[in-house]
Amino acid sequence: MINNKTIVLLFICLVACTSNNNEDKVNSAESGLIETIATDLYFEQKTNSVILNIKDSLESVDHKIRFDSLMAAHNELAILRINDSNCGLCIEVELEEILAFKTKLGTNQIAVFATFKSERNLKLMTKGLSGSGIPIFTIDYGELKLPVDEANAPYYFTINSNHIVNHTFIPIRGIESLNESYFNAISSIFRLEVK
């Protein structure tokens, strides 16, 4: 299946190849974007279908829900993964995106997996989710062991009741339409469950 990033990558390659007026070099901005998309696609594909080894007894930061209870209530969850080595602005943007997605879809099938050395920094970074009903689970460094963690950027994935990871997506700053396309694609999962 061809996803939106693949289409964007092919489009950029086509534009770069046809717009260089007989030059053999792609400019550095185009080259950087192509490399970013290709790397993201690699990590996304390598991560999909991985079985996540996560403790069922994992409890949310506010101690209101356990991960196993959340999974038992739903067939599938959308997860935003963040950590303190990601760029702060990137985290803020994705927290706003996932909050907007929750509001638009009206679902409780969303959670955040966060890794922060300081609980204070975690609370400061995620204060915008306060009262949203989106649980935040603290994950230890290296606990998930997902290939996409190597990308060192916030990312999304879905996880089903068998703990199988799918629909992995690394947002690219400046290409907001990719986020919108991703959320539209995974929203069908949640609509099917509601019906």
C-alpha atoms as a PDB file:
ATOM      1  CA  MET A   1       0.000   0.000   0.000  1.00  0.00           C
ATOM      2  CA  ILE A   2       1.378   3.420  -0.939  1.00  0.00           C
ATOM      3  CA  ASN A   3       1.040   5.932   1.867  1.00  0.00           C
ATOM      4  CA  ASN A   4       1.110   9.745   1.708  1.00  0.00           C
ATOM      5  CA  LYS A   5       4.816  10.006   2.532  1.00  0.00           C
ATOM      6  CA  THR A   6       5.651   7.754  -0.400  1.00  0.00           C
ATOM      7  CA  ILE A   7       3.604   9.963  -2.708  1.00  0.00           C
ATOM      8  CA  VAL A   8       5.276  13.107  -1.342  1.00  0.00           C
ATOM      9  CA  LEU A   9       8.724  11.526  -1.750  1.00  0.00           C
ATOM     10  CA  LEU A  10       7.994  10.548  -5.342  1.00  0.00           C
ATOM     11  CA  PHE A  11       6.604  14.015  -6.089  1.00  0.00           C
ATOM     12  CA  ILE A  12       9.669  15.730  -4.622  1.00  0.00           C
ATOM     13  CA  CYS A  13      11.971  13.465  -6.618  1.00  0.00           C
ATOM     14  CA  LEU A  14      10.023  14.221  -9.795  1.00  0.00           C
ATOM     15  CA  VAL A  15      10.100  17.973  -9.187  1.00  0.00           C
ATOM     16  CA  ALA A  16      13.779  17.899  -8.263  1.00  0.00           C
ATOM     17  CA  CYS A  17      14.691  15.925 -11.360  1.00  0.00           C
ATOM     18  CA  THR A  18      12.689  18.109 -13.762  1.00  0.00           C
ATOM     19  CA  SER A  19      13.399  21.542 -12.267  1.00  0.00           C
ATOM     20  CA  ASN A  20      17.169  21.500 -12.096  1.00  0.00           C
ATOM     21  CA  ASN A  21      17.651  22.799 -15.644  1.00  0.00           C
ATOM     22  CA  ASN A  22      20.209  20.190 -16.613  1.00  0.00           C
ATOM     23  CA  GLU A  23      21.960  20.385 -13.252  1.00  0.00           C
ATOM     24  CA  ASP A  24      22.897  17.079 -11.719  1.00  0.00           C
ATOM     25  CA  LYS A  25      22.506  18.262  -8.147  1.00  0.00           C
ATOM     26  CA  VAL A  26      19.361  18.463  -6.087  1.00  0.00           C
ATOM     27  CA  ASN A  27      19.438  21.509  -3.807  1.00  0.00           C
ATOM     28  CA  SER A  28      20.183  20.847  -0.154  1.00  0.00           C
ATOM     29  CA  ALA A  29      16.635  21.584   1.099  1.00  0.00           C
ATOM     30  CA  GLU A  30      15.111  19.100  -1.348  1.00  0.00           C
ATOM     31  CA  SER A  31      17.830  16.586  -0.570  1.00  0.00           C
ATOM     32  CA  GLY A  32      17.268  16.958   3.182  1.00  0.00           C
ATOM     33  CA  LEU A  33      13.516  16.506   2.835  1.00  0.00           C
ATOM     34  CA  ILE A  34      13.957  13.448   0.628  1.00  0.00           C
ATOM     35  CA  GLU A  35      16.364  11.952   3.159  1.00  0.00           C
ATOM     36  CA  THR A  36      13.983  12.702   6.064  1.00  0.00           C
ATOM     37  CA  ILE A  37      11.011  11.108   4.323  1.00  0.00           C
ATOM     38  CA  ALA A  38      13.028   8.066   3.260  1.00  0.00           C
ATOM     39  CA  THR A  39      14.403   7.574   6.780  1.00  0.00           C
ATOM     40  CA  ASP A  40      10.953   7.996   8.329  1.00  0.00           C
ATOM     41  CA  LEU A  41       9.456   5.467   5.907  1.00  0.00           C
ATOM     42  CA  TYR A  42      12.205   2.997   6.777  1.00  0.00           C
ATOM     43  CA  PHE A  43      11.559   3.285  10.539  1.00  0.00           C
ATOM     44  CA  GLU A  44       7.779   3.245  10.092  1.00  0.00           C
ATOM     45  CA  GLN A  45       7.847   0.061   8.025  1.00  0.00           C
ATOM     46  CA  LYS A  46      10.381  -1.598  10.324  1.00  0.00           C
ATOM     47  CA  THR A  47       8.165  -0.860  13.344  1.00  0.00           C
ATOM     48  CA  ASN A  48       4.794  -1.972  11.942  1.00  0.00           C
ATOM     49  CA  SER A  49       3.722  -5.479  13.051  1.00  0.00           C
ATOM     50  CA  VAL A  50       6.110  -5.527  16.019  1.00  0.00           C
ATOM     51  CA  ILE A  51       4.618  -7.018  19.178  1.00  0.00           C
ATOM     52  CA  LEU A  52       5.034  -4.475  21.946  1.00  0.00           C
ATOM     53  CA  ASN A  53       6.377  -5.875  25.173  1.00  0.00           C
ATOM     54  CA  ILE A  54       4.738  -3.605  27.709  1.00  0.00           C
ATOM     55  CA  LYS A  55       3.709  -4.157  31.299  1.00  0.00           C
ATOM     56  CA  ASP A  56      -0.070  -4.561  31.609  1.00  0.00           C
ATOM     57  CA  SER A  57       0.186  -3.111  35.100  1.00  0.00           C
ATOM     58  CA  LEU A  58       1.479   0.186  33.684  1.00  0.00           C
ATOM     59  CA  GLU A  59      -0.377   3.000  35.426  1.00  0.00           C
ATOM     60  CA  SER A  60      -1.079   6.489  34.080  1.00  0.00           C
ATOM     61  CA  VAL A  61       0.811   9.434  35.564  1.00  0.00           C
ATOM     62  CA  ASP A  62      -2.335  10.643  37.365  1.00  0.00           C
ATOM     63  CA  HIS A  63      -2.960   7.084  38.657  1.00  0.00           C
ATOM     64  CA  LYS A  64      -6.494   7.068  37.209  1.00  0.00           C
ATOM     65  CA  ILE A  65      -6.169   4.170  34.759  1.00  0.00           C
ATOM     66  CA  ARG A  66      -3.999   1.164  34.062  1.00  0.00           C
ATOM     67  CA  PHE A  67      -2.911   0.304  30.546  1.00  0.00           C
ATOM     68  CA  ASP A  68      -4.498  -3.166  30.670  1.00  0.00           C
ATOM     69  CA  SER A  69      -7.870  -1.615  31.626  1.00  0.00           C
ATOM     70  CA  LEU A  70      -7.640   0.847  28.758  1.00  0.00           C
ATOM     71  CA  MET A  71      -6.801  -1.953  26.310  1.00  0.00           C
ATOM     72  CA  ALA A  72      -9.646  -4.101  27.644  1.00  0.00           C
ATOM     73  CA  ALA A  73     -12.109  -1.285  26.957  1.00  0.00           C
ATOM     74  CA  HIS A  74     -11.011  -0.884  23.322  1.00  0.00           C
ATOM     75  CA  ASN A  75      -9.824  -3.099  20.486  1.00  0.00           C
ATOM     76  CA  GLU A  76      -7.242  -0.548  19.401  1.00  0.00           C
ATOM     77  CA  LEU A  77      -5.577   2.602  20.728  1.00  0.00           C
ATOM     78  CA  ALA A  78      -3.795   5.494  19.054  1.00  0.00           C
ATOM     79  CA  ILE A  79      -0.572   6.325  20.864  1.00  0.00           C
ATOM     80  CA  LEU A  80       1.562   9.458  20.700  1.00  0.00           C
ATOM     81  CA  ARG A  81       5.131   8.645  21.741  1.00  0.00           C
ATOM     82  CA  ILE A  82       7.270  11.495  23.100  1.00  0.00           C
ATOM     83  CA  ASN A  83      10.479  11.763  25.065  1.00  0.00           C
ATOM     84  CA  ASP A  84      12.642  14.483  26.538  1.00  0.00           C
ATOM     85  CA  SER A  85      15.224  14.251  23.754  1.00  0.00           C
ATOM     86  CA  ASN A  86      12.621  15.286  21.128  1.00  0.00           C
ATOM     87  CA  CYS A  87      12.494  18.953  20.176  1.00  0.00           C
ATOM     88  CA  GLY A  88      10.202  20.833  22.578  1.00  0.00           C
ATOM     89  CA  LEU A  89       8.283  22.606  19.826  1.00  0.00           C
ATOM     90  CA  CYS A  90       7.747  19.278  18.026  1.00  0.00           C
ATOM     91  CA  ILE A  91       6.247  17.778  21.191  1.00  0.00           C
ATOM     92  CA  GLU A  92       3.984  20.792  21.749  1.00  0.00           C
ATOM     93  CA  VAL A  93       2.709  20.675  18.172  1.00  0.00           C
ATOM     94  CA  GLU A  94       1.928  16.952  18.367  1.00  0.00           C
ATOM     95  CA  LEU A  95       0.190  17.304  21.745  1.00  0.00           C
ATOM     96  CA  GLU A  96      -2.047  19.950  20.170  1.00  0.00           C
ATOM     97  CA  GLU A  97      -2.638  17.673  17.155  1.00  0.00           C
ATOM     98  CA  ILE A  98      -3.653  14.663  19.238  1.00  0.00           C
ATOM     99  CA  LEU A  99      -5.938  16.814  21.388  1.00  0.00           C
ATOM    100  CA  ALA A 100      -7.622  18.178  18.247  1.00  0.00           C
ATOM    101  CA  PHE A 101      -7.934  14.628  16.893  1.00  0.00           C
ATOM    102  CA  LYS A 102      -9.594  13.460  20.131  1.00  0.00           C
ATOM    103  CA  THR A 103     -12.019  16.386  20.024  1.00  0.00           C
ATOM    104  CA  LYS A 104     -12.837  15.856  16.346  1.00  0.00           C
ATOM    105  CA  LEU A 105     -13.396  12.127  16.659  1.00  0.00           C
ATOM    106  CA  GLY A 106     -14.891  12.103  20.146  1.00  0.00           C
ATOM    107  CA  THR A 107     -12.973   9.009  21.210  1.00  0.00           C
ATOM    108  CA  ASN A 108     -11.172   7.899  24.348  1.00  0.00           C
ATOM    109  CA  GLN A 109      -8.963   5.531  22.368  1.00  0.00           C
ATOM    110  CA  ILE A 110      -5.917   7.775  22.662  1.00  0.00           C
ATOM    111  CA  ALA A 111      -2.956   7.750  25.032  1.00  0.00           C
ATOM    112  CA  VAL A 112       0.512   9.245  25.330  1.00  0.00           C
ATOM    113  CA  PHE A 113       3.644   7.235  26.095  1.00  0.00           C
ATOM    114  CA  ALA A 114       6.267   9.588  27.549  1.00  0.00           C
ATOM    115  CA  THR A 115       9.859   9.191  28.651  1.00  0.00           C
ATOM    116  CA  PHE A 116      11.231  12.078  30.700  1.00  0.00           C
ATOM    117  CA  LYS A 117      14.034  12.090  33.272  1.00  0.00           C
ATOM    118  CA  SER A 118      12.189  14.731  35.275  1.00  0.00           C
ATOM    119  CA  GLU A 119       8.558  14.345  36.312  1.00  0.00           C
ATOM    120  CA  ARG A 120       8.410  18.143  36.572  1.00  0.00           C
ATOM    121  CA  ASN A 121       9.452  18.529  32.913  1.00  0.00           C
ATOM    122  CA  LEU A 122       6.885  15.928  31.868  1.00  0.00           C
ATOM    123  CA  LYS A 123       4.123  17.817  33.681  1.00  0.00           C
ATOM    124  CA  LEU A 124       5.214  21.157  32.190  1.00  0.00           C
ATOM    125  CA  MET A 125       5.353  19.720  28.677  1.00  0.00           C
ATOM    126  CA  THR A 126       1.978  17.962  28.883  1.00  0.00           C
ATOM    127  CA  LYS A 127       0.009  20.545  30.897  1.00  0.00           C
ATOM    128  CA  GLY A 128      -2.103  21.281  27.792  1.00  0.00           C
ATOM    129  CA  LEU A 129      -3.606  17.783  28.090  1.00  0.00           C
ATOM    130  CA  SER A 130      -4.772  18.399  31.641  1.00  0.00           C
ATOM    131  CA  GLY A 131      -8.460  17.589  31.897  1.00  0.00           C
ATOM    132  CA  SER A 132      -8.588  16.175  28.359  1.00  0.00           C
ATOM    133  CA  GLY A 133      -9.062  12.567  29.410  1.00  0.00           C
ATOM    134  CA  ILE A 134      -5.985  11.500  27.428  1.00  0.00           C
ATOM    135  CA  PRO A 135      -3.944   9.315  29.779  1.00  0.00           C
ATOM    136  CA  ILE A 136      -0.176   9.729  29.909  1.00  0.00           C
ATOM    137  CA  PHE A 137       1.914   6.673  30.710  1.00  0.00           C
ATOM    138  CA  THR A 138       5.547   6.974  31.752  1.00  0.00           C
ATOM    139  CA  ILE A 139       7.779   4.574  29.866  1.00  0.00           C
ATOM    140  CA  ASP A 140      11.364   3.842  30.907  1.00  0.00           C
ATOM    141  CA  TYR A 141      14.186   4.538  28.460  1.00  0.00           C
ATOM    142  CA  GLY A 142      14.566   1.588  26.097  1.00  0.00           C
ATOM    143  CA  GLU A 143      11.457  -0.168  27.421  1.00  0.00           C
ATOM    144  CA  LEU A 144       9.519  -0.197  24.150  1.00  0.00           C
ATOM    145  CA  LYS A 145      12.446  -1.303  21.978  1.00  0.00           C
ATOM    146  CA  LEU A 146      10.739  -0.066  18.815  1.00  0.00           C
ATOM    147  CA  PRO A 147      12.948   0.629  15.782  1.00  0.00           C
ATOM    148  CA  VAL A 148      11.198   3.984  15.246  1.00  0.00           C
ATOM    149  CA  ASP A 149      12.642   5.270  18.553  1.00  0.00           C
ATOM    150  CA  GLU A 150      15.941   5.691  16.673  1.00  0.00           C
ATOM    151  CA  ALA A 151      14.364   8.520  14.653  1.00  0.00           C
ATOM    152  CA  ASN A 152      14.393  10.655  17.835  1.00  0.00           C
ATOM    153  CA  ALA A 153      11.154  12.457  16.999  1.00  0.00           C
ATOM    154  CA  PRO A 154       7.604  12.318  18.329  1.00  0.00           C
ATOM    155  CA  TYR A 155       5.622   9.650  16.518  1.00  0.00           C
ATOM    156  CA  TYR A 156       2.261   7.938  16.444  1.00  0.00           C
ATOM    157  CA  PHE A 157       1.212   4.320  16.224  1.00  0.00           C
ATOM    158  CA  THR A 158      -1.785   2.175  16.919  1.00  0.00           C
ATOM    159  CA  ILE A 159      -1.715  -0.851  19.164  1.00  0.00           C
ATOM    160  CA  ASN A 160      -4.325  -3.587  19.268  1.00  0.00           C
ATOM    161  CA  SER A 161      -5.410  -5.905  22.083  1.00  0.00           C
ATOM    162  CA  ASN A 162      -2.661  -8.363  21.089  1.00  0.00           C
ATOM    163  CA  HIS A 163      -0.123  -5.533  21.546  1.00  0.00           C
ATOM    164  CA  ILE A 164       0.702  -5.487  17.832  1.00  0.00           C
ATOM    165  CA  VAL A 165       1.964  -2.111  16.629  1.00  0.00           C
ATOM    166  CA  ASN A 166       0.653  -0.746  13.334  1.00  0.00           C
ATOM    167  CA  HIS A 167       0.036   2.521  11.521  1.00  0.00           C
ATOM    168  CA  THR A 168       3.359   3.988  12.647  1.00  0.00           C
ATOM    169  CA  PHE A 169       3.793   7.594  11.570  1.00  0.00           C
ATOM    170  CA  ILE A 170       6.522  10.192  12.133  1.00  0.00           C
ATOM    171  CA  PRO A 171       5.196  13.712  11.474  1.00  0.00           C
ATOM    172  CA  ILE A 172       7.333  16.099   9.442  1.00  0.00           C
ATOM    173  CA  ARG A 173       7.329  19.712  10.584  1.00  0.00           C
ATOM    174  CA  GLY A 174       6.081  21.994   7.874  1.00  0.00           C
ATOM    175  CA  ILE A 175       3.972  19.368   6.106  1.00  0.00           C
ATOM    176  CA  GLU A 176       0.810  19.545   8.209  1.00  0.00           C
ATOM    177  CA  SER A 177      -1.267  17.835   5.541  1.00  0.00           C
ATOM    178  CA  LEU A 178       0.526  14.573   6.365  1.00  0.00           C
ATOM    179  CA  ASN A 179      -0.790  14.694   9.939  1.00  0.00           C
ATOM    180  CA  GLU A 180      -4.292  15.363   8.696  1.00  0.00           C
ATOM    181  CA  SER A 181      -4.066  12.458   6.245  1.00  0.00           C
ATOM    182  CA  TYR A 182      -2.741  10.163   8.971  1.00  0.00           C
ATOM    183  CA  PHE A 183      -5.539  11.046  11.397  1.00  0.00           C
ATOM    184  CA  ASN A 184      -8.152  10.640   8.672  1.00  0.00           C
ATOM    185  CA  ALA A 185      -6.758   7.200   7.843  1.00  0.00           C
ATOM    186  CA  ILE A 186      -6.672   5.890  11.408  1.00  0.00           C
ATOM    187  CA  SER A 187     -10.017   7.452  12.324  1.00  0.00           C
ATOM    188  CA  SER A 188     -11.709   4.700  10.307  1.00  0.00           C
ATOM    189  CA  ILE A 189     -10.364   2.196  12.861  1.00  0.00           C
ATOM    190  CA  PHE A 190     -12.132   4.005  15.671  1.00  0.00           C
ATOM    191  CA  ARG A 191     -15.338   4.555  13.736  1.00  0.00           C
ATOM    192  CA  LEU A 192     -15.518   0.813  13.041  1.00  0.00           C
ATOM    193  CA  GLU A 193     -15.186   0.032  16.733  1.00  0.00           C
ATOM    194  CA  VAL A 194     -17.910   2.494  17.722  1.00  0.00           C
ATOM    195  CA  LYS A 195     -20.434   1.040  15.249  1.00  0.00           C
END
